[in-house]
N, C-alpha and C. Protein backbone atom coordinates (compact mmCIF):
# COMPACT_ATOMS: atom_id res chain seq x y z
N MET A 1 0.84 -1.24 -0.04
CA MET A 1 0.04 0.06 -0.03
C MET A 1 0.84 1.34 -0.01
N ARG A 2 0.58 2.04 -0.96
CA ARG A 2 1.38 3.24 -1.02
C ARG A 2 0.57 4.54 -0.61
N ILE A 3 1.20 5.33 0.41
CA ILE A 3 0.60 6.49 0.87
C ILE A 3 1.37 7.67 0.15
N GLY A 4 0.76 8.32 -0.72
CA GLY A 4 1.44 9.30 -1.43
C GLY A 4 0.79 10.68 -1.41
N PRO A 5 1.19 11.51 -2.35
CA PRO A 5 0.62 12.88 -2.32
C PRO A 5 -0.84 13.00 -2.82
N GLY A 6 -1.56 11.92 -2.94
CA GLY A 6 -2.92 12.06 -3.41
C GLY A 6 -2.93 11.94 -5.00
N PHE A 7 -3.75 12.74 -5.62
CA PHE A 7 -4.04 12.62 -6.98
C PHE A 7 -2.91 13.53 -7.90
N GLY A 8 -1.88 13.97 -7.16
CA GLY A 8 -0.95 14.72 -7.99
C GLY A 8 -1.33 16.15 -8.28
N LEU A 9 -0.66 16.67 -9.27
CA LEU A 9 -0.79 18.26 -9.48
C LEU A 9 -2.31 18.31 -10.25
N PHE A 10 -2.71 17.37 -11.04
CA PHE A 10 -4.16 17.54 -11.80
C PHE A 10 -5.11 17.40 -10.77
N GLY A 11 -5.01 16.44 -9.73
CA GLY A 11 -6.04 16.47 -8.78
C GLY A 11 -5.97 17.63 -7.94
N GLN A 12 -4.99 18.29 -7.64
CA GLN A 12 -4.94 19.49 -6.81
C GLN A 12 -5.56 20.70 -7.66
N LEU A 13 -5.24 20.73 -8.96
CA LEU A 13 -5.77 21.76 -9.80
C LEU A 13 -7.33 21.62 -9.83
N PHE A 14 -7.86 20.39 -10.10
CA PHE A 14 -9.27 20.14 -10.15
C PHE A 14 -9.85 20.50 -8.85
N GLY A 15 -9.32 20.19 -7.81
CA GLY A 15 -9.92 20.31 -6.45
C GLY A 15 -9.90 21.92 -6.18
N ALA A 16 -8.92 22.53 -6.55
CA ALA A 16 -8.91 24.04 -6.39
C ALA A 16 -10.13 24.69 -7.25
N ILE A 17 -10.04 24.24 -8.60
CA ILE A 17 -11.35 24.72 -9.44
C ILE A 17 -12.73 24.44 -8.78
N PHE A 18 -12.85 23.29 -8.29
CA PHE A 18 -14.11 22.73 -7.68
C PHE A 18 -14.37 23.62 -6.44
N ALA A 19 -13.45 23.76 -5.65
CA ALA A 19 -13.49 24.68 -4.41
C ALA A 19 -13.83 26.18 -4.96
N GLY A 20 -13.32 26.63 -5.83
CA GLY A 20 -13.59 28.11 -6.17
C GLY A 20 -14.94 28.30 -6.76
N LEU A 21 -15.44 27.26 -7.60
CA LEU A 21 -16.68 27.34 -8.16
C LEU A 21 -17.83 27.18 -7.01
N THR A 22 -17.56 26.18 -6.11
CA THR A 22 -18.36 26.01 -5.04
C THR A 22 -18.53 27.35 -4.06
N PHE A 23 -17.41 27.99 -3.87
CA PHE A 23 -17.39 29.26 -3.15
C PHE A 23 -18.20 30.35 -3.91
N ILE A 24 -18.22 30.35 -5.18
CA ILE A 24 -18.87 31.35 -6.06
C ILE A 24 -20.30 31.10 -5.96
N VAL A 25 -20.71 29.91 -6.07
CA VAL A 25 -22.21 29.58 -6.01
C VAL A 25 -22.72 29.87 -4.74
N VAL A 26 -22.07 29.40 -3.55
CA VAL A 26 -22.53 29.75 -2.28
C VAL A 26 -22.60 31.21 -1.96
N ALA A 27 -21.73 32.00 -2.41
CA ALA A 27 -21.64 33.47 -2.24
C ALA A 27 -22.89 34.13 -3.02
N VAL A 28 -23.09 33.66 -4.17
CA VAL A 28 -24.26 34.28 -5.11
C VAL A 28 -25.51 33.91 -4.43
N VAL A 29 -25.73 32.65 -3.81
CA VAL A 29 -26.97 32.31 -3.08
C VAL A 29 -27.12 33.13 -1.89
N LEU A 30 -26.09 33.29 -1.13
CA LEU A 30 -26.22 34.17 0.08
C LEU A 30 -26.52 35.59 -0.11
N ILE A 31 -25.89 36.12 -1.11
CA ILE A 31 -26.18 37.46 -1.60
C ILE A 31 -27.51 37.71 -2.12
N GLY A 32 -28.01 36.74 -2.79
CA GLY A 32 -29.44 36.60 -3.30
C GLY A 32 -30.40 36.71 -2.18
N LEU A 33 -30.20 35.70 -1.18
CA LEU A 33 -31.06 35.82 -0.01
C LEU A 33 -31.09 37.01 0.80
N LEU A 34 -29.78 37.76 0.95
CA LEU A 34 -29.74 38.82 1.61
C LEU A 34 -30.52 40.02 0.85
N VAL A 35 -30.51 40.08 -0.44
CA VAL A 35 -31.33 41.13 -1.12
C VAL A 35 -32.75 40.83 -0.99
N LEU A 36 -33.19 39.53 -0.96
CA LEU A 36 -34.63 39.33 -0.84
C LEU A 36 -35.15 39.66 0.64
N VAL A 37 -34.28 39.34 1.65
CA VAL A 37 -34.59 39.80 2.95
C VAL A 37 -34.80 41.38 3.11
N VAL A 38 -33.72 41.96 2.56
CA VAL A 38 -33.74 43.46 2.49
C VAL A 38 -35.00 44.08 1.84
N ARG A 39 -35.30 43.46 0.68
CA ARG A 39 -36.54 44.05 -0.08
C ARG A 39 -37.70 43.67 0.78
N PHE A 40 -37.88 42.63 1.42
CA PHE A 40 -39.12 42.26 2.16
C PHE A 40 -39.24 43.25 3.33
N LEU A 41 -38.16 43.50 4.02
CA LEU A 41 -38.12 44.41 5.27
C LEU A 41 -38.45 45.85 4.75
N LEU A 42 -38.04 46.26 3.60
CA LEU A 42 -38.30 47.60 3.19
C LEU A 42 -39.82 47.76 2.70
N SER A 43 -40.25 46.72 2.07
CA SER A 43 -41.68 46.79 1.71
C SER A 43 -42.52 46.62 2.90
N ALA A 44 -42.22 45.86 3.90
CA ALA A 44 -43.04 45.68 5.12
C ALA A 44 -43.00 47.04 5.99
N THR A 45 -41.81 47.73 6.02
CA THR A 45 -41.85 48.96 6.61
C THR A 45 -42.69 49.97 6.08
N ARG A 46 -42.64 50.05 4.61
CA ARG A 46 -43.55 50.94 3.93
C ARG A 46 -44.97 50.63 4.16
N ALA A 47 -45.42 49.35 4.05
CA ALA A 47 -46.68 49.07 4.25
C ALA A 47 -47.19 49.33 5.72
N ALA A 48 -46.35 49.15 6.69
CA ALA A 48 -46.74 49.62 8.03
C ALA A 48 -46.94 51.16 8.21
N ASP A 49 -45.97 51.86 7.44
CA ASP A 49 -46.14 53.31 7.62
C ASP A 49 -47.60 53.75 6.91
N ILE A 50 -47.82 53.14 5.86
CA ILE A 50 -49.00 53.62 5.16
C ILE A 50 -50.30 53.15 6.05
N TYR A 51 -50.25 51.97 6.71
CA TYR A 51 -51.25 51.46 7.54
C TYR A 51 -51.53 52.50 8.72
N VAL A 52 -50.38 52.81 9.31
CA VAL A 52 -50.46 53.82 10.42
C VAL A 52 -51.00 55.10 10.04
N ARG A 53 -50.60 55.55 8.91
CA ARG A 53 -51.02 56.87 8.31
C ARG A 53 -52.62 56.78 8.13
N LEU A 54 -52.97 55.78 7.62
CA LEU A 54 -54.53 55.57 7.19
C LEU A 54 -55.30 55.39 8.42
N HIS A 55 -54.83 54.73 9.40
CA HIS A 55 -55.59 54.32 10.49
C HIS A 55 -55.08 55.06 11.87
N ASP A 56 -54.71 56.18 11.72
CA ASP A 56 -54.15 56.86 12.84
C ASP A 56 -55.32 57.41 13.75
N VAL A 57 -55.09 57.25 15.03
CA VAL A 57 -56.24 57.78 16.01
C VAL A 57 -55.81 59.09 16.35
N ALA A 58 -56.76 59.97 16.61
CA ALA A 58 -56.54 61.41 17.02
C ALA A 58 -55.65 61.42 18.19
N LYS A 59 -54.73 62.39 18.38
CA LYS A 59 -53.71 62.52 19.41
C LYS A 59 -54.49 62.79 20.72
N ASP A 60 -55.59 63.52 20.77
CA ASP A 60 -56.24 63.75 22.03
C ASP A 60 -57.33 62.83 22.52
N ALA A 61 -57.57 61.70 21.66
CA ALA A 61 -58.62 60.81 21.99
C ALA A 61 -58.09 59.96 23.29
N PRO A 62 -58.90 59.64 24.13
CA PRO A 62 -58.53 58.87 25.37
C PRO A 62 -58.39 57.44 24.85
N LEU A 63 -57.36 56.87 25.66
CA LEU A 63 -57.04 55.33 25.44
C LEU A 63 -58.00 54.64 25.94
N VAL A 64 -58.34 53.49 25.35
CA VAL A 64 -59.23 52.48 25.95
C VAL A 64 -58.74 51.86 27.28
N ASP A 65 -57.46 51.44 27.25
CA ASP A 65 -56.97 50.83 28.47
C ASP A 65 -56.35 51.79 29.46
N ALA A 66 -56.59 53.16 29.44
CA ALA A 66 -56.08 54.03 30.26
C ALA A 66 -56.41 53.74 31.76
N PRO A 67 -55.51 53.86 32.68
CA PRO A 67 -55.90 53.50 34.06
C PRO A 67 -56.76 54.47 34.75
N VAL A 68 -57.53 54.13 35.74
CA VAL A 68 -58.35 55.08 36.45
C VAL A 68 -57.44 55.81 37.37
N ALA A 69 -57.94 57.22 37.70
CA ALA A 69 -56.99 57.96 38.51
C ALA A 69 -56.85 57.48 39.94
N GLY A 70 -58.02 56.86 40.40
CA GLY A 70 -58.02 56.45 41.83
C GLY A 70 -57.57 55.09 42.05
N GLY A 71 -57.19 54.27 41.15
CA GLY A 71 -56.59 52.99 41.35
C GLY A 71 -57.06 52.09 40.18
N PRO A 72 -56.98 50.77 40.51
CA PRO A 72 -57.30 49.77 39.46
C PRO A 72 -58.79 49.85 39.03
N VAL A 73 -59.20 49.47 37.87
CA VAL A 73 -60.52 49.48 37.56
C VAL A 73 -61.39 48.63 38.30
N ALA A 74 -60.82 47.40 38.81
CA ALA A 74 -61.57 46.44 39.45
C ALA A 74 -62.05 46.94 40.89
N ASP A 75 -61.36 48.01 41.49
CA ASP A 75 -61.69 48.69 42.82
C ASP A 75 -62.88 49.52 42.66
N ALA A 76 -63.21 50.05 41.39
CA ALA A 76 -64.14 51.05 41.28
C ALA A 76 -65.51 50.41 41.26
N PRO A 77 -66.47 50.98 41.90
CA PRO A 77 -67.83 50.45 41.95
C PRO A 77 -68.38 50.56 40.61
N VAL A 78 -69.17 49.52 40.32
CA VAL A 78 -69.70 49.32 38.88
C VAL A 78 -70.92 50.18 38.60
N ALA A 79 -71.77 50.33 39.71
CA ALA A 79 -72.89 51.11 39.48
C ALA A 79 -72.56 52.59 39.46
N ASP A 80 -71.51 53.16 40.10
CA ASP A 80 -71.17 54.53 40.11
C ASP A 80 -70.31 54.95 38.88
N ALA A 81 -69.92 53.92 38.23
CA ALA A 81 -68.86 54.39 37.03
C ALA A 81 -69.64 54.89 35.97
N PRO A 82 -69.22 56.21 35.48
CA PRO A 82 -69.87 56.68 34.33
C PRO A 82 -69.59 55.98 32.97
N VAL A 83 -70.63 55.90 32.18
CA VAL A 83 -70.47 55.11 30.97
C VAL A 83 -69.95 56.27 29.87
N ALA A 84 -68.88 55.89 29.24
CA ALA A 84 -68.48 56.72 28.22
C ALA A 84 -69.16 56.42 26.86
N ASP A 85 -69.28 57.47 26.06
CA ASP A 85 -69.92 57.13 24.71
C ASP A 85 -69.02 56.39 23.85
N ALA A 86 -69.51 55.58 23.00
CA ALA A 86 -68.65 54.74 22.20
C ALA A 86 -68.03 55.76 21.12
N PRO A 87 -66.73 55.50 20.75
CA PRO A 87 -66.01 56.32 19.72
C PRO A 87 -66.84 56.20 18.47
N VAL A 88 -66.82 57.26 17.71
CA VAL A 88 -67.52 57.30 16.44
C VAL A 88 -66.55 56.77 15.38
N ALA A 89 -67.23 55.80 14.69
CA ALA A 89 -66.39 55.10 13.58
C ALA A 89 -66.31 55.94 12.39
N THR A 90 -65.16 56.21 11.90
CA THR A 90 -65.07 56.94 10.71
C THR A 90 -64.32 56.12 9.57
N ALA A 91 -64.55 56.39 8.38
CA ALA A 91 -63.99 55.78 7.34
C ALA A 91 -62.46 56.18 7.18
N PRO A 92 -61.64 55.17 6.93
CA PRO A 92 -60.25 55.45 6.82
C PRO A 92 -59.93 56.45 5.66
N ARG A 93 -58.85 57.31 5.97
CA ARG A 93 -58.58 58.34 4.92
C ARG A 93 -57.84 57.60 3.91
N THR A 94 -58.14 57.84 2.58
CA THR A 94 -57.41 57.31 1.54
C THR A 94 -57.08 58.34 0.53
N THR A 95 -55.73 58.30 0.22
CA THR A 95 -55.22 59.30 -0.80
C THR A 95 -55.08 58.49 -2.23
N ARG A 96 -55.55 57.26 -2.38
CA ARG A 96 -55.40 56.81 -3.73
C ARG A 96 -56.55 57.24 -4.60
N THR A 97 -56.06 57.25 -5.84
CA THR A 97 -57.12 57.53 -7.01
C THR A 97 -57.55 56.31 -7.51
N LYS A 98 -58.57 56.22 -8.37
CA LYS A 98 -59.07 55.05 -8.96
C LYS A 98 -58.07 54.63 -10.04
N ARG A 99 -57.79 53.26 -9.98
CA ARG A 99 -56.76 52.69 -10.84
C ARG A 99 -57.48 52.33 -12.22
N ILE A 100 -56.92 52.87 -13.30
CA ILE A 100 -57.41 52.50 -14.60
C ILE A 100 -56.52 51.27 -15.30
N PRO A 101 -57.10 50.33 -15.61
CA PRO A 101 -56.27 49.16 -16.18
C PRO A 101 -55.62 49.64 -17.56
N LYS A 102 -54.47 49.19 -17.81
CA LYS A 102 -53.74 49.53 -19.12
C LYS A 102 -54.24 48.79 -20.33
N VAL A 103 -54.80 47.59 -20.00
CA VAL A 103 -55.40 46.69 -21.04
C VAL A 103 -56.79 46.52 -20.75
N PRO A 104 -57.71 46.67 -21.70
CA PRO A 104 -59.09 46.36 -21.33
C PRO A 104 -59.39 44.88 -21.14
N PRO A 105 -60.31 44.56 -20.31
CA PRO A 105 -60.51 43.16 -20.02
C PRO A 105 -61.01 42.40 -21.31
N THR A 106 -60.67 41.12 -21.34
CA THR A 106 -61.07 40.18 -22.47
C THR A 106 -62.53 39.82 -22.28
N VAL A 107 -63.28 39.57 -23.33
CA VAL A 107 -64.74 39.14 -23.17
C VAL A 107 -64.70 37.68 -23.19
C-alpha cells in the first residue's frame, strides 16, 4: 500500500477549481437571500407606515386601556362608574385615486 501525495498536480488543480466554483455559487446564493430579505423588510416597513397613516387615531382621544386615576378599574364600583360614549367610527382616509387598467378586459 502506497501512501502518497494524493492525485498529484491535476488532482490539486481540479480540487482548487471545484472549491472556487463552490465558493462562488454559495456566495451568489447568500447575496441573493440577503437582497430578498432587505426587499421584504423595506416593503413591510413601507406598508406599516401606510397603515399607520391611514388608521391613525386622534392625538387627544382617550385610550381605551387608560388606568383610572383612583386606582385599578376592579376597585371602582360598577354602579357609580360613568359610561363613556362609544367612539364614532369614521372611514379610513385614503389618498389613492381610481386605478385605470392599461389593457381592457377580455370578453
